[in-house]
C-alpha atoms as a PDB file:
ATOM      1  CA  MET A   1       5.522 -20.594  41.787  1.00  0.00           C
ATOM      2  CA  ALA A   2       6.377 -17.120  42.916  1.00  0.00           C
ATOM      3  CA  ILE A   3       8.977 -15.925  40.117  1.00  0.00           C
ATOM      4  CA  GLN A   4       9.505 -12.140  40.208  1.00  0.00           C
ATOM      5  CA  ASN A   5      10.954 -11.735  36.792  1.00  0.00           C
ATOM      6  CA  ASP A   6      12.231 -13.548  33.777  1.00  0.00           C
ATOM      7  CA  ARG A   7      15.856 -12.560  33.943  1.00  0.00           C
ATOM      8  CA  PRO A   8      18.391 -15.488  33.486  1.00  0.00           C
ATOM      9  CA  ALA A   9      19.294 -16.892  36.879  1.00  0.00           C
ATOM     10  CA  ILE A  10      19.925 -20.082  38.739  1.00  0.00           C
ATOM     11  CA  PHE A  11      16.753 -20.622  40.820  1.00  0.00           C
ATOM     12  CA  ILE A  12      16.989 -21.846  44.412  1.00  0.00           C
ATOM     13  CA  ALA A  13      13.703 -23.417  45.360  1.00  0.00           C
ATOM     14  CA  ILE A  14      12.697 -22.676  48.891  1.00  0.00           C
ATOM     15  CA  PRO A  15      10.018 -24.971  50.623  1.00  0.00           C
ATOM     16  CA  LYS A  16       6.770 -23.239  51.307  1.00  0.00           C
ATOM     17  CA  ASN A  17       7.104 -23.628  55.049  1.00  0.00           C
ATOM     18  CA  LEU A  18      10.149 -21.497  55.114  1.00  0.00           C
ATOM     19  CA  ASN A  19       8.430 -18.330  53.834  1.00  0.00           C
ATOM     20  CA  GLY A  20      10.837 -17.481  51.071  1.00  0.00           C
ATOM     21  CA  GLN A  21      13.854 -17.467  53.425  1.00  0.00           C
ATOM     22  CA  LEU A  22      17.118 -19.317  52.763  1.00  0.00           C
ATOM     23  CA  PRO A  23      18.461 -20.866  56.093  1.00  0.00           C
ATOM     24  CA  THR A  24      21.464 -18.881  57.291  1.00  0.00           C
ATOM     25  CA  ASN A  25      23.744 -22.005  57.314  1.00  0.00           C
ATOM     26  CA  LEU A  26      23.149 -22.189  53.469  1.00  0.00           C
ATOM     27  CA  SER A  27      24.392 -18.569  52.682  1.00  0.00           C
ATOM     28  CA  PRO A  28      27.747 -19.823  51.754  1.00  0.00           C
ATOM     29  CA  MET A  29      26.112 -21.372  48.726  1.00  0.00           C
ATOM     30  CA  LEU A  30      25.034 -18.005  47.566  1.00  0.00           C
ATOM     31  CA  ASN A  31      28.642 -16.841  47.918  1.00  0.00           C
ATOM     32  CA  GLY A  32      29.763 -19.589  45.731  1.00  0.00           C
ATOM     33  CA  ILE A  33      27.384 -18.734  43.037  1.00  0.00           C
ATOM     34  CA  GLU A  34      28.107 -15.093  43.297  1.00  0.00           C
ATOM     35  CA  GLU A  35      31.925 -15.572  43.089  1.00  0.00           C
ATOM     36  CA  GLU A  36      31.289 -17.270  39.709  1.00  0.00           C
ATOM     37  CA  GLN A  37      29.303 -14.152  38.673  1.00  0.00           C
ATOM     38  CA  ILE A  38      26.072 -15.938  37.883  1.00  0.00           C
ATOM     39  CA  PRO A  39      22.635 -14.337  38.851  1.00  0.00           C
ATOM     40  CA  VAL A  40      20.601 -16.318  41.529  1.00  0.00           C
ATOM     41  CA  GLU A  41      17.002 -15.991  42.465  1.00  0.00           C
ATOM     42  CA  LEU A  42      15.179 -17.498  45.390  1.00  0.00           C
ATOM     43  CA  ILE A  43      11.643 -18.918  44.470  1.00  0.00           C
ATOM     44  CA  THR A  44       9.089 -20.842  46.587  1.00  0.00           C
ATOM     45  CA  LEU A  45       7.914 -24.183  45.386  1.00  0.00           C
ATOM     46  CA  ASP A  46       5.535 -26.469  47.075  1.00  0.00           C
ATOM     47  CA  PHE A  47       6.792 -30.050  46.276  1.00  0.00           C
ATOM     48  CA  ASP A  48       7.236 -32.803  48.735  1.00  0.00           C
ATOM     49  CA  THR A  49      11.036 -33.556  48.209  1.00  0.00           C
ATOM     50  CA  ALA A  50      14.102 -31.588  47.620  1.00  0.00           C
ATOM     51  CA  VAL A  51      14.739 -33.441  44.367  1.00  0.00           C
ATOM     52  CA  LYS A  52      11.382 -32.538  42.939  1.00  0.00           C
ATOM     53  CA  ARG A  53      11.809 -28.923  43.946  1.00  0.00           C
ATOM     54  CA  ALA A  54      15.367 -28.648  42.373  1.00  0.00           C
ATOM     55  CA  TYR A  55      14.046 -30.264  39.146  1.00  0.00           C
ATOM     56  CA  GLN A  56      11.097 -27.904  38.934  1.00  0.00           C
ATOM     57  CA  ALA A  57      13.390 -24.930  39.626  1.00  0.00           C
ATOM     58  CA  SER A  58      15.686 -26.127  36.783  1.00  0.00           C
ATOM     59  CA  VAL A  59      12.846 -26.388  34.346  1.00  0.00           C
ATOM     60  CA  ALA A  60      11.613 -22.817  35.406  1.00  0.00           C
ATOM     61  CA  SER A  61      15.161 -21.290  35.243  1.00  0.00           C
ATOM     62  CA  ARG A  62      16.174 -19.799  31.925  1.00  0.00           C
ATOM     63  CA  LEU A  63      19.835 -21.078  32.747  1.00  0.00           C
ATOM     64  CA  SER A  64      18.343 -24.720  33.274  1.00  0.00           C
ATOM     65  CA  VAL A  65      19.893 -25.053  36.680  1.00  0.00           C
ATOM     66  CA  GLY A  66      17.767 -25.430  39.848  1.00  0.00           C
ATOM     67  CA  ILE A  67      18.908 -25.986  43.547  1.00  0.00           C
ATOM     68  CA  SER A  68      16.929 -27.033  46.602  1.00  0.00           C
ATOM     69  CA  PHE A  69      17.721 -28.466  49.973  1.00  0.00           C
ATOM     70  CA  ASP A  70      16.265 -30.507  52.816  1.00  0.00           C
ATOM     71  CA  ASP A  71      17.518 -30.814  56.407  1.00  0.00           C
ATOM     72  CA  GLN A  72      20.445 -32.910  55.259  1.00  0.00           C
ATOM     73  CA  HIS A  73      21.249 -32.414  51.705  1.00  0.00           C
ATOM     74  CA  ILE A  74      21.671 -29.762  48.862  1.00  0.00           C
ATOM     75  CA  ILE A  75      20.371 -30.831  45.466  1.00  0.00           C
ATOM     76  CA  VAL A  76      21.650 -29.462  42.200  1.00  0.00           C
ATOM     77  CA  HIS A  77      19.531 -30.388  39.143  1.00  0.00           C
ATOM     78  CA  TYR A  78      19.868 -29.733  35.371  1.00  0.00           C
ATOM     79  CA  LYS A  79      16.699 -29.655  33.327  1.00  0.00           C
ATOM     80  CA  ASN A  80      17.995 -32.094  30.775  1.00  0.00           C
ATOM     81  CA  LEU A  81      18.424 -34.880  33.355  1.00  0.00           C
ATOM     82  CA  PRO A  82      15.681 -37.193  34.313  1.00  0.00           C
ATOM     83  CA  ALA A  83      13.595 -35.720  37.108  1.00  0.00           C
ATOM     84  CA  ASP A  84      14.637 -38.258  39.704  1.00  0.00           C
ATOM     85  CA  GLN A  85      18.345 -38.103  38.870  1.00  0.00           C
ATOM     86  CA  PRO A  86      19.955 -34.806  40.034  1.00  0.00           C
ATOM     87  CA  LEU A  87      23.456 -33.923  39.036  1.00  0.00           C
ATOM     88  CA  PHE A  88      24.740 -33.278  42.736  1.00  0.00           C
ATOM     89  CA  GLN A  89      23.408 -34.328  46.128  1.00  0.00           C
ATOM     90  CA  VAL A  90      25.743 -33.020  48.778  1.00  0.00           C
ATOM     91  CA  ALA A  91      25.507 -33.278  52.518  1.00  0.00           C
ATOM     92  CA  ILE A  92      24.972 -30.152  54.576  1.00  0.00           C
ATOM     93  CA  ASP A  93      28.006 -30.690  56.707  1.00  0.00           C
ATOM     94  CA  ASN A  94      30.391 -27.743  56.416  1.00  0.00           C
ATOM     95  CA  PRO A  95      30.505 -24.214  54.981  1.00  0.00           C
ATOM     96  CA  THR A  96      33.278 -25.112  52.495  1.00  0.00           C
ATOM     97  CA  ASN A  97      31.227 -27.886  50.866  1.00  0.00           C
ATOM     98  CA  ILE A  98      28.164 -25.715  50.873  1.00  0.00           C
ATOM     99  CA  ARG A  99      30.010 -22.824  49.137  1.00  0.00           C
ATOM    100  CA  LYS A 100      31.618 -25.329  46.562  1.00  0.00           C
ATOM    101  CA  ILE A 101      28.128 -26.591  45.613  1.00  0.00           C
ATOM    102  CA  GLY A 102      27.039 -23.072  44.852  1.00  0.00           C
ATOM    103  CA  ALA A 103      30.116 -22.502  42.698  1.00  0.00           C
ATOM    104  CA  ASN A 104      29.598 -25.826  40.857  1.00  0.00           C
ATOM    105  CA  ALA A 105      25.985 -24.977  40.022  1.00  0.00           C
ATOM    106  CA  ALA A 106      27.308 -21.766  38.527  1.00  0.00           C
ATOM    107  CA  ARG A 107      30.037 -23.481  36.700  1.00  0.00           C
ATOM    108  CA  LEU A 108      27.472 -25.823  35.140  1.00  0.00           C
ATOM    109  CA  VAL A 109      26.020 -22.636  33.702  1.00  0.00           C
ATOM    110  CA  LYS A 110      29.310 -21.393  32.466  1.00  0.00           C
ATOM    111  CA  GLY A 111      30.368 -24.738  31.101  1.00  0.00           C
ATOM    112  CA  VAL A 112      33.723 -24.889  32.888  1.00  0.00           C
ATOM    113  CA  PRO A 113      35.116 -27.767  35.114  1.00  0.00           C
ATOM    114  CA  PHE A 114      33.694 -28.251  38.599  1.00  0.00           C
ATOM    115  CA  LYS A 115      35.614 -27.669  41.753  1.00  0.00           C
ATOM    116  CA  SER A 116      36.524 -30.991  43.364  1.00  0.00           C
END
């Protein structure tokens, strides 16, 4: 795991084959997190599924929230949930939903209601 520092942040787990780069179609997710004013950090994790990467990111995050993705879904995990039961699994189908999942991950940290 390549974690640069120990600051509190939501960790977004990037698969190793993407060389630490978030796909451009997922950038609205960063905007959603940013609009809720929660720090975010990209990390590289080498697990075979997005659910496993998201869970491991949540365990590593001081804010207990981890996000990962595959070709079809974005996964949001919270470290107090069972490893195989993420909080959210949302289809990567439009920028509005991608932005909302980022905002909802940040809202989990803040303890405020989720956007519908």
